[in-house]
PDB file of N, CA and C in Angstrom:
ATOM      1  N   MET A   1       0.824  -1.161   0.006  1.00  0.00           N
ATOM      2  CA  MET A   1      -0.023  -0.003  -0.022  1.00  0.00           C
ATOM      3  C   MET A   1       0.877   1.260  -0.011  1.00  0.00           C
ATOM      4  N   GLU A   2       0.490   2.190  -0.614  1.00  0.00           N
ATOM      5  CA  GLU A   2       1.094   3.548  -0.621  1.00  0.00           C
ATOM      6  C   GLU A   2       0.909   4.324   0.559  1.00  0.00           C
ATOM      7  N   ALA A   3       1.922   5.045   0.979  1.00  0.00           N
ATOM      8  CA  ALA A   3       1.718   5.895   2.188  1.00  0.00           C
ATOM      9  C   ALA A   3       0.847   7.199   1.718  1.00  0.00           C
ATOM     10  N   SER A   4       0.072   7.606   2.597  1.00  0.00           N
ATOM     11  CA  SER A   4      -0.696   8.799   2.298  1.00  0.00           C
ATOM     12  C   SER A   4      -0.045  10.009   2.448  1.00  0.00           C
ATOM     13  N   SER A   5      -0.559  11.185   2.034  1.00  0.00           N
ATOM     14  CA  SER A   5       0.287  12.379   2.015  1.00  0.00           C
ATOM     15  C   SER A   5       0.617  12.805   3.576  1.00  0.00           C
ATOM     16  N   SER A   6      -0.162  12.165   4.458  1.00  0.00           N
ATOM     17  CA  SER A   6       0.132  12.480   5.907  1.00  0.00           C
ATOM     18  C   SER A   6       1.320  11.719   6.343  1.00  0.00           C
ATOM     19  N   GLY A   7       1.863  10.761   5.584  1.00  0.00           N
ATOM     20  CA  GLY A   7       2.916   9.969   6.027  1.00  0.00           C
ATOM     21  C   GLY A   7       2.617   8.660   6.646  1.00  0.00           C
ATOM     22  N   PHE A   8       1.396   8.340   6.826  1.00  0.00           N
ATOM     23  CA  PHE A   8       0.945   7.088   7.432  1.00  0.00           C
ATOM     24  C   PHE A   8       0.247   6.322   6.398  1.00  0.00           C
ATOM     25  N   SER A   9       0.481   5.048   6.591  1.00  0.00           N
ATOM     26  CA  SER A   9      -0.117   4.055   5.526  1.00  0.00           C
ATOM     27  C   SER A   9      -1.640   3.806   5.941  1.00  0.00           C
ATOM     28  N   ALA A  10      -2.402   3.452   4.998  1.00  0.00           N
ATOM     29  CA  ALA A  10      -3.822   3.100   5.391  1.00  0.00           C
ATOM     30  C   ALA A  10      -3.816   1.797   6.152  1.00  0.00           C
ATOM     31  N   MET A  11      -2.861   1.021   6.097  1.00  0.00           N
ATOM     32  CA  MET A  11      -2.680  -0.199   6.945  1.00  0.00           C
ATOM     33  C   MET A  11      -2.254   0.139   8.326  1.00  0.00           C
ATOM     34  N   ALA A  12      -2.976  -0.496   9.288  1.00  0.00           N
ATOM     35  CA  ALA A  12      -2.474  -0.416  10.702  1.00  0.00           C
ATOM     36  C   ALA A  12      -1.185  -1.047  11.037  1.00  0.00           C
ATOM     37  N   PRO A  13      -0.405  -0.448  11.924  1.00  0.00           N
ATOM     38  CA  PRO A  13       0.873  -1.061  12.316  1.00  0.00           C
ATOM     39  C   PRO A  13       0.666  -2.506  13.017  1.00  0.00           C
ATOM     40  N   PRO A  14       1.662  -3.374  12.936  1.00  0.00           N
ATOM     41  CA  PRO A  14       1.602  -4.688  13.642  1.00  0.00           C
ATOM     42  C   PRO A  14       1.745  -4.346  15.161  1.00  0.00           C
ATOM     43  N   VAL A  15       0.848  -4.898  15.976  1.00  0.00           N
ATOM     44  CA  VAL A  15       0.875  -4.690  17.386  1.00  0.00           C
ATOM     45  C   VAL A  15       1.751  -5.643  18.126  1.00  0.00           C
ATOM     46  N   PHE A  16       2.623  -5.281  19.095  1.00  0.00           N
ATOM     47  CA  PHE A  16       3.444  -6.091  19.749  1.00  0.00           C
ATOM     48  C   PHE A  16       2.793  -6.411  21.147  1.00  0.00           C
ATOM     49  N   ASP A  17       2.573  -7.606  21.531  1.00  0.00           N
ATOM     50  CA  ASP A  17       2.014  -7.993  22.834  1.00  0.00           C
ATOM     51  C   ASP A  17       2.771  -8.819  23.639  1.00  0.00           C
ATOM     52  N   ARG A  18       4.174  -8.710  23.458  1.00  0.00           N
ATOM     53  CA  ARG A  18       5.145  -9.565  24.278  1.00  0.00           C
ATOM     54  C   ARG A  18       5.346 -10.852  23.707  1.00  0.00           C
ATOM     55  N   GLU A  19       4.774 -11.175  22.442  1.00  0.00           N
ATOM     56  CA  GLU A  19       5.031 -12.453  21.883  1.00  0.00           C
ATOM     57  C   GLU A  19       5.701 -12.244  20.586  1.00  0.00           C
ATOM     58  N   ASN A  20       6.601 -13.127  20.259  1.00  0.00           N
ATOM     59  CA  ASN A  20       7.254 -13.128  18.999  1.00  0.00           C
ATOM     60  C   ASN A  20       7.948 -11.725  18.556  1.00  0.00           C
ATOM     61  N   TYR A  21       8.791 -11.197  19.382  1.00  0.00           N
ATOM     62  CA  TYR A  21       9.355  -9.957  19.157  1.00  0.00           C
ATOM     63  C   TYR A  21      10.052  -9.748  17.829  1.00  0.00           C
ATOM     64  N   GLN A  22      10.833 -10.825  17.509  1.00  0.00           N
ATOM     65  CA  GLN A  22      11.576 -10.766  16.270  1.00  0.00           C
ATOM     66  C   GLN A  22      10.733 -10.548  14.969  1.00  0.00           C
ATOM     67  N   ALA A  23       9.619 -11.320  14.879  1.00  0.00           N
ATOM     68  CA  ALA A  23       8.763 -11.182  13.801  1.00  0.00           C
ATOM     69  C   ALA A  23       8.117  -9.770  13.782  1.00  0.00           C
ATOM     70  N   TRP A  24       7.627  -9.328  14.998  1.00  0.00           N
ATOM     71  CA  TRP A  24       7.149  -8.059  15.064  1.00  0.00           C
ATOM     72  C   TRP A  24       8.160  -6.948  14.629  1.00  0.00           C
ATOM     73  N   ALA A  25       9.342  -7.052  14.997  1.00  0.00           N
ATOM     74  CA  ALA A  25      10.283  -5.991  14.667  1.00  0.00           C
ATOM     75  C   ALA A  25      10.536  -6.020  13.189  1.00  0.00           C
ATOM     76  N   VAL A  26      10.621  -7.192  12.591  1.00  0.00           N
ATOM     77  CA  VAL A  26      10.750  -7.058  11.057  1.00  0.00           C
ATOM     78  C   VAL A  26       9.586  -6.475  10.426  1.00  0.00           C
ATOM     79  N   LYS A  27       8.307  -6.834  10.868  1.00  0.00           N
ATOM     80  CA  LYS A  27       7.100  -6.145  10.299  1.00  0.00           C
ATOM     81  C   LYS A  27       7.126  -4.726  10.583  1.00  0.00           C
ATOM     82  N   MET A  28       7.389  -4.235  11.849  1.00  0.00           N
ATOM     83  CA  MET A  28       7.440  -2.858  12.199  1.00  0.00           C
ATOM     84  C   MET A  28       8.397  -2.079  11.368  1.00  0.00           C
ATOM     85  N   THR A  29       9.619  -2.628  11.174  1.00  0.00           N
ATOM     86  CA  THR A  29      10.587  -1.863  10.420  1.00  0.00           C
ATOM     87  C   THR A  29      10.135  -1.683   8.937  1.00  0.00           C
ATOM     88  N   ALA A  30       9.501  -2.724   8.417  1.00  0.00           N
ATOM     89  CA  ALA A  30       8.912  -2.462   6.978  1.00  0.00           C
ATOM     90  C   ALA A  30       7.759  -1.564   7.034  1.00  0.00           C
ATOM     91  N   PHE A  31       6.952  -1.605   7.978  1.00  0.00           N
ATOM     92  CA  PHE A  31       5.806  -0.633   8.022  1.00  0.00           C
ATOM     93  C   PHE A  31       6.307   0.716   8.143  1.00  0.00           C
ATOM     94  N   MET A  32       7.285   1.043   9.014  1.00  0.00           N
ATOM     95  CA  MET A  32       7.870   2.398   9.276  1.00  0.00           C
ATOM     96  C   MET A  32       8.688   2.821   7.988  1.00  0.00           C
ATOM     97  N   GLU A  33       9.259   1.869   7.305  1.00  0.00           N
ATOM     98  CA  GLU A  33       9.918   2.299   6.040  1.00  0.00           C
ATOM     99  C   GLU A  33       8.977   2.692   5.022  1.00  0.00           C
ATOM    100  N   SER A  34       7.827   2.018   4.985  1.00  0.00           N
ATOM    101  CA  SER A  34       6.781   2.273   3.950  1.00  0.00           C
ATOM    102  C   SER A  34       6.081   3.656   4.351  1.00  0.00           C
ATOM    103  N   CYS A  35       6.115   4.160   5.422  1.00  0.00           N
ATOM    104  CA  CYS A  35       5.653   5.578   5.905  1.00  0.00           C
ATOM    105  C   CYS A  35       6.694   6.516   5.962  1.00  0.00           C
ATOM    106  N   TYR A  36       8.007   6.265   5.538  1.00  0.00           N
ATOM    107  CA  TYR A  36       9.073   7.225   5.516  1.00  0.00           C
ATOM    108  C   TYR A  36       9.313   7.603   6.977  1.00  0.00           C
ATOM    109  N   LEU A  37       9.265   6.751   7.881  1.00  0.00           N
ATOM    110  CA  LEU A  37       9.494   7.088   9.274  1.00  0.00           C
ATOM    111  C   LEU A  37      10.773   6.416   9.811  1.00  0.00           C
ATOM    112  N   TRP A  38      11.219   5.430   9.212  1.00  0.00           N
ATOM    113  CA  TRP A  38      12.373   4.643   9.794  1.00  0.00           C
ATOM    114  C   TRP A  38      13.571   5.396   9.978  1.00  0.00           C
ATOM    115  N   GLU A  39      13.801   6.396   9.116  1.00  0.00           N
ATOM    116  CA  GLU A  39      15.066   7.154   9.343  1.00  0.00           C
ATOM    117  C   GLU A  39      14.955   7.934  10.680  1.00  0.00           C
ATOM    118  N   ALA A  40      13.876   8.379  11.136  1.00  0.00           N
ATOM    119  CA  ALA A  40      13.808   9.006  12.454  1.00  0.00           C
ATOM    120  C   ALA A  40      14.145   8.091  13.594  1.00  0.00           C
ATOM    121  N   VAL A  41      13.883   6.851  13.436  1.00  0.00           N
ATOM    122  CA  VAL A  41      14.173   5.867  14.485  1.00  0.00           C
ATOM    123  C   VAL A  41      15.628   5.475  14.347  1.00  0.00           C
ATOM    124  N   GLU A  42      16.150   5.114  13.159  1.00  0.00           N
ATOM    125  CA  GLU A  42      17.449   4.512  12.895  1.00  0.00           C
ATOM    126  C   GLU A  42      18.516   5.542  13.264  1.00  0.00           C
ATOM    127  N   GLU A  43      18.296   6.799  12.764  1.00  0.00           N
ATOM    128  CA  GLU A  43      19.308   7.737  12.870  1.00  0.00           C
ATOM    129  C   GLU A  43      19.248   8.601  14.057  1.00  0.00           C
ATOM    130  N   ASP A  44      18.018   8.752  14.641  1.00  0.00           N
ATOM    131  CA  ASP A  44      17.851   9.560  15.845  1.00  0.00           C
ATOM    132  C   ASP A  44      18.407  10.851  15.843  1.00  0.00           C
ATOM    133  N   TYR A  45      18.216  11.546  14.632  1.00  0.00           N
ATOM    134  CA  TYR A  45      18.878  12.778  14.431  1.00  0.00           C
ATOM    135  C   TYR A  45      18.216  13.830  15.309  1.00  0.00           C
ATOM    136  N   GLU A  46      19.052  14.967  15.548  1.00  0.00           N
ATOM    137  CA  GLU A  46      18.520  16.025  16.404  1.00  0.00           C
ATOM    138  C   GLU A  46      18.121  17.081  15.453  1.00  0.00           C
ATOM    139  N   VAL A  47      16.949  17.689  15.799  1.00  0.00           N
ATOM    140  CA  VAL A  47      16.348  18.757  14.963  1.00  0.00           C
ATOM    141  C   VAL A  47      16.900  20.021  15.545  1.00  0.00           C
ATOM    142  N   THR A  48      17.811  20.695  14.719  1.00  0.00           N
ATOM    143  CA  THR A  48      18.475  21.959  15.228  1.00  0.00           C
ATOM    144  C   THR A  48      17.487  23.106  15.136  1.00  0.00           C
ATOM    145  N   PRO A  49      17.714  24.112  16.080  1.00  0.00           N
ATOM    146  CA  PRO A  49      16.762  25.282  15.997  1.00  0.00           C
ATOM    147  C   PRO A  49      16.958  25.948  14.650  1.00  0.00           C
ATOM    148  N   LEU A  50      15.998  26.689  14.217  1.00  0.00           N
ATOM    149  CA  LEU A  50      16.075  27.532  13.106  1.00  0.00           C
ATOM    150  C   LEU A  50      16.936  28.663  13.376  1.00  0.00           C
ATOM    151  N   PRO A  51      17.808  29.073  12.352  1.00  0.00           N
ATOM    152  CA  PRO A  51      18.619  30.332  12.435  1.00  0.00           C
ATOM    153  C   PRO A  51      17.696  31.588  12.383  1.00  0.00           C
ATOM    154  N   ASN A  52      18.316  32.591  12.737  1.00  0.00           N
ATOM    155  CA  ASN A  52      17.656  33.989  12.623  1.00  0.00           C
ATOM    156  C   ASN A  52      17.329  34.151  11.104  1.00  0.00           C
ATOM    157  N   ASN A  53      16.204  34.750  10.817  1.00  0.00           N
ATOM    158  CA  ASN A  53      15.748  34.968   9.438  1.00  0.00           C
ATOM    159  C   ASN A  53      15.871  33.744   8.596  1.00  0.00           C
ATOM    160  N   PRO A  54      15.260  32.642   8.931  1.00  0.00           N
ATOM    161  CA  PRO A  54      15.338  31.387   8.122  1.00  0.00           C
ATOM    162  C   PRO A  54      14.700  31.589   6.717  1.00  0.00           C
ATOM    163  N   THR A  55      15.262  30.893   5.842  1.00  0.00           N
ATOM    164  CA  THR A  55      14.592  30.820   4.430  1.00  0.00           C
ATOM    165  C   THR A  55      13.317  29.821   4.554  1.00  0.00           C
ATOM    166  N   MET A  56      12.478  29.916   3.537  1.00  0.00           N
ATOM    167  CA  MET A  56      11.308  29.071   3.571  1.00  0.00           C
ATOM    168  C   MET A  56      11.822  27.645   3.354  1.00  0.00           C
ATOM    169  N   ALA A  57      12.847  27.369   2.596  1.00  0.00           N
ATOM    170  CA  ALA A  57      13.344  25.952   2.568  1.00  0.00           C
ATOM    171  C   ALA A  57      13.746  25.459   3.927  1.00  0.00           C
ATOM    172  N   GLN A  58      14.450  26.306   4.771  1.00  0.00           N
ATOM    173  CA  GLN A  58      14.925  25.983   6.108  1.00  0.00           C
ATOM    174  C   GLN A  58      13.757  25.620   7.021  1.00  0.00           C
ATOM    175  N   ILE A  59      12.776  26.484   6.842  1.00  0.00           N
ATOM    176  CA  ILE A  59      11.588  26.374   7.733  1.00  0.00           C
ATOM    177  C   ILE A  59      10.835  25.021   7.399  1.00  0.00           C
ATOM    178  N   GLU A  60      10.701  24.711   6.065  1.00  0.00           N
ATOM    179  CA  GLU A  60      10.108  23.453   5.648  1.00  0.00           C
ATOM    180  C   GLU A  60      10.801  22.265   6.049  1.00  0.00           C
ATOM    181  N   LEU A  61      12.107  22.251   5.939  1.00  0.00           N
ATOM    182  CA  LEU A  61      12.918  21.176   6.257  1.00  0.00           C
ATOM    183  C   LEU A  61      12.839  20.900   7.898  1.00  0.00           C
ATOM    184  N   HIS A  62      12.870  22.053   8.573  1.00  0.00           N
ATOM    185  CA  HIS A  62      12.779  21.920  10.028  1.00  0.00           C
ATOM    186  C   HIS A  62      11.490  21.255  10.394  1.00  0.00           C
ATOM    187  N   LYS A  63      10.384  21.851   9.757  1.00  0.00           N
ATOM    188  CA  LYS A  63       9.052  21.184  10.180  1.00  0.00           C
ATOM    189  C   LYS A  63       8.894  19.834   9.838  1.00  0.00           C
ATOM    190  N   GLU A  64       9.417  19.444   8.595  1.00  0.00           N
ATOM    191  CA  GLU A  64       9.409  18.030   8.084  1.00  0.00           C
ATOM    192  C   GLU A  64      10.144  17.114   9.072  1.00  0.00           C
ATOM    193  N   LYS A  65      11.326  17.511   9.522  1.00  0.00           N
ATOM    194  CA  LYS A  65      12.122  16.675  10.411  1.00  0.00           C
ATOM    195  C   LYS A  65      11.418  16.516  11.916  1.00  0.00           C
ATOM    196  N   LYS A  66      10.877  17.625  12.294  1.00  0.00           N
ATOM    197  CA  LYS A  66      10.088  17.539  13.661  1.00  0.00           C
ATOM    198  C   LYS A  66       8.926  16.682  13.524  1.00  0.00           C
ATOM    199  N   THR A  67       8.172  16.863  12.417  1.00  0.00           N
ATOM    200  CA  THR A  67       6.956  16.120  12.206  1.00  0.00           C
ATOM    201  C   THR A  67       7.334  14.577  12.118  1.00  0.00           C
ATOM    202  N   ARG A  68       8.283  14.208  11.255  1.00  0.00           N
ATOM    203  CA  ARG A  68       8.737  12.803  11.143  1.00  0.00           C
ATOM    204  C   ARG A  68       9.099  12.217  12.457  1.00  0.00           C
ATOM    205  N   LYS A  69       9.798  12.923  13.299  1.00  0.00           N
ATOM    206  CA  LYS A  69      10.115  12.335  14.556  1.00  0.00           C
ATOM    207  C   LYS A  69       8.881  12.170  15.420  1.00  0.00           C
ATOM    208  N   ALA A  70       7.939  13.024  15.429  1.00  0.00           N
ATOM    209  CA  ALA A  70       6.747  12.922  16.212  1.00  0.00           C
ATOM    210  C   ALA A  70       5.841  11.708  15.703  1.00  0.00           C
ATOM    211  N   LYS A  71       5.856  11.645  14.358  1.00  0.00           N
ATOM    212  CA  LYS A  71       5.046  10.562  13.689  1.00  0.00           C
ATOM    213  C   LYS A  71       5.651   9.237  14.110  1.00  0.00           C
ATOM    214  N   ALA A  72       6.971   9.118  14.065  1.00  0.00           N
ATOM    215  CA  ALA A  72       7.611   7.863  14.398  1.00  0.00           C
ATOM    216  C   ALA A  72       7.233   7.504  15.775  1.00  0.00           C
ATOM    217  N   LYS A  73       7.309   8.344  16.757  1.00  0.00           N
ATOM    218  CA  LYS A  73       6.932   8.094  18.113  1.00  0.00           C
ATOM    219  C   LYS A  73       5.491   7.605  18.241  1.00  0.00           C
ATOM    220  N   SER A  74       4.671   8.423  17.595  1.00  0.00           N
ATOM    221  CA  SER A  74       3.140   8.054  17.550  1.00  0.00           C
ATOM    222  C   SER A  74       2.910   6.652  17.005  1.00  0.00           C
ATOM    223  N   CYS A  75       3.581   6.282  15.912  1.00  0.00           N
ATOM    224  CA  CYS A  75       3.408   5.025  15.268  1.00  0.00           C
ATOM    225  C   CYS A  75       3.855   3.945  16.248  1.00  0.00           C
ATOM    226  N   LEU A  76       4.988   4.082  16.939  1.00  0.00           N
ATOM    227  CA  LEU A  76       5.469   3.137  17.807  1.00  0.00           C
ATOM    228  C   LEU A  76       4.543   2.964  19.020  1.00  0.00           C
ATOM    229  N   TYR A  77       4.002   4.086  19.430  1.00  0.00           N
ATOM    230  CA  TYR A  77       3.038   3.973  20.594  1.00  0.00           C
ATOM    231  C   TYR A  77       1.731   3.188  20.218  1.00  0.00           C
ATOM    232  N   ALA A  78       1.355   3.392  18.889  1.00  0.00           N
ATOM    233  CA  ALA A  78       0.173   2.683  18.443  1.00  0.00           C
ATOM    234  C   ALA A  78       0.453   1.105  18.132  1.00  0.00           C
ATOM    235  N   ALA A  79       1.680   0.881  18.184  1.00  0.00           N
ATOM    236  CA  ALA A  79       2.037  -0.575  17.744  1.00  0.00           C
ATOM    237  C   ALA A  79       2.411  -1.469  18.833  1.00  0.00           C
ATOM    238  N   VAL A  80       2.089  -1.048  20.131  1.00  0.00           N
ATOM    239  CA  VAL A  80       2.314  -1.914  21.200  1.00  0.00           C
ATOM    240  C   VAL A  80       1.073  -1.958  22.110  1.00  0.00           C
ATOM    241  N   SER A  81       0.929  -3.027  22.984  1.00  0.00           N
ATOM    242  CA  SER A  81      -0.209  -3.250  23.746  1.00  0.00           C
ATOM    243  C   SER A  81      -0.102  -2.242  24.887  1.00  0.00           C
ATOM    244  N   PRO A  82      -1.276  -1.998  25.512  1.00  0.00           N
ATOM    245  CA  PRO A  82      -1.329  -0.967  26.583  1.00  0.00           C
ATOM    246  C   PRO A  82      -0.349  -1.280  27.754  1.00  0.00           C
ATOM    247  N   THR A  83      -0.029  -2.507  27.996  1.00  0.00           N
ATOM    248  CA  THR A  83       0.938  -2.911  29.134  1.00  0.00           C
ATOM    249  C   THR A  83       2.253  -2.285  28.698  1.00  0.00           C
ATOM    250  N   ILE A  84       2.676  -2.501  27.471  1.00  0.00           N
ATOM    251  CA  ILE A  84       4.094  -2.111  27.050  1.00  0.00           C
ATOM    252  C   ILE A  84       4.091  -0.650  26.886  1.00  0.00           C
ATOM    253  N   PHE A  85       2.939   0.049  26.488  1.00  0.00           N
ATOM    254  CA  PHE A  85       2.985   1.436  26.298  1.00  0.00           C
ATOM    255  C   PHE A  85       3.242   2.114  27.714  1.00  0.00           C
ATOM    256  N   THR A  86       2.721   1.597  28.736  1.00  0.00           N
ATOM    257  CA  THR A  86       3.125   2.197  30.134  1.00  0.00           C
ATOM    258  C   THR A  86       4.531   2.194  30.391  1.00  0.00           C
ATOM    259  N   ARG A  87       5.331   1.109  29.856  1.00  0.00           N
ATOM    260  CA  ARG A  87       6.755   1.078  30.080  1.00  0.00           C
ATOM    261  C   ARG A  87       7.559   2.024  29.225  1.00  0.00           C
ATOM    262  N   ILE A  88       7.007   2.395  28.061  1.00  0.00           N
ATOM    263  CA  ILE A  88       7.826   3.323  27.109  1.00  0.00           C
ATOM    264  C   ILE A  88       7.357   4.591  27.000  1.00  0.00           C
ATOM    265  N   MET A  89       6.159   4.971  27.664  1.00  0.00           N
ATOM    266  CA  MET A  89       5.583   6.308  27.364  1.00  0.00           C
ATOM    267  C   MET A  89       6.591   7.520  27.855  1.00  0.00           C
ATOM    268  N   ARG A  90       7.502   7.323  28.634  1.00  0.00           N
ATOM    269  CA  ARG A  90       8.275   8.350  29.105  1.00  0.00           C
ATOM    270  C   ARG A  90       9.566   8.502  28.239  1.00  0.00           C
ATOM    271  N   LEU A  91       9.918   7.611  27.396  1.00  0.00           N
ATOM    272  CA  LEU A  91      11.031   7.578  26.624  1.00  0.00           C
ATOM    273  C   LEU A  91      11.059   8.817  25.625  1.00  0.00           C
ATOM    274  N   GLU A  92      12.077   9.510  25.406  1.00  0.00           N
ATOM    275  CA  GLU A  92      12.110  10.747  24.696  1.00  0.00           C
ATOM    276  C   GLU A  92      12.135  10.621  23.143  1.00  0.00           C
ATOM    277  N   SER A  93      12.775   9.452  22.736  1.00  0.00           N
ATOM    278  CA  SER A  93      12.883   9.481  21.158  1.00  0.00           C
ATOM    279  C   SER A  93      12.328   8.159  20.775  1.00  0.00           C
ATOM    280  N   ALA A  94      12.127   8.102  19.369  1.00  0.00           N
ATOM    281  CA  ALA A  94      11.702   6.848  18.699  1.00  0.00           C
ATOM    282  C   ALA A  94      12.755   5.750  18.818  1.00  0.00           C
ATOM    283  N   LYS A  95      14.081   6.165  18.738  1.00  0.00           N
ATOM    284  CA  LYS A  95      15.070   5.118  18.890  1.00  0.00           C
ATOM    285  C   LYS A  95      15.109   4.589  20.347  1.00  0.00           C
ATOM    286  N   ALA A  96      14.783   5.351  21.321  1.00  0.00           N
ATOM    287  CA  ALA A  96      14.792   4.798  22.664  1.00  0.00           C
ATOM    288  C   ALA A  96      13.724   3.900  22.959  1.00  0.00           C
ATOM    289  N   ILE A  97      12.497   4.228  22.211  1.00  0.00           N
ATOM    290  CA  ILE A  97      11.289   3.348  22.367  1.00  0.00           C
ATOM    291  C   ILE A  97      11.625   2.073  21.744  1.00  0.00           C
TER     292      ILE A  97
END
């Protein structure tokens, strides 16, 4: 399936419920790659603050990087059971999750 313009696939992410982590991890990686979110997890890049008087291109890139990091976290939160969510909800980055 193609990713929508919002960056999320119409398909729901696979949910991890403490069973068969390896299979879930492979499926989740593929899911996040299809949504263009895996880079935010794998690279765990820092979004640098905008300079004074930023160009429109700088503003768009900054917004895109911040949004991608937030979507990656949201996607991971949606892909775990409630029990696991309570264990990861305080982690700061998608990579830490």
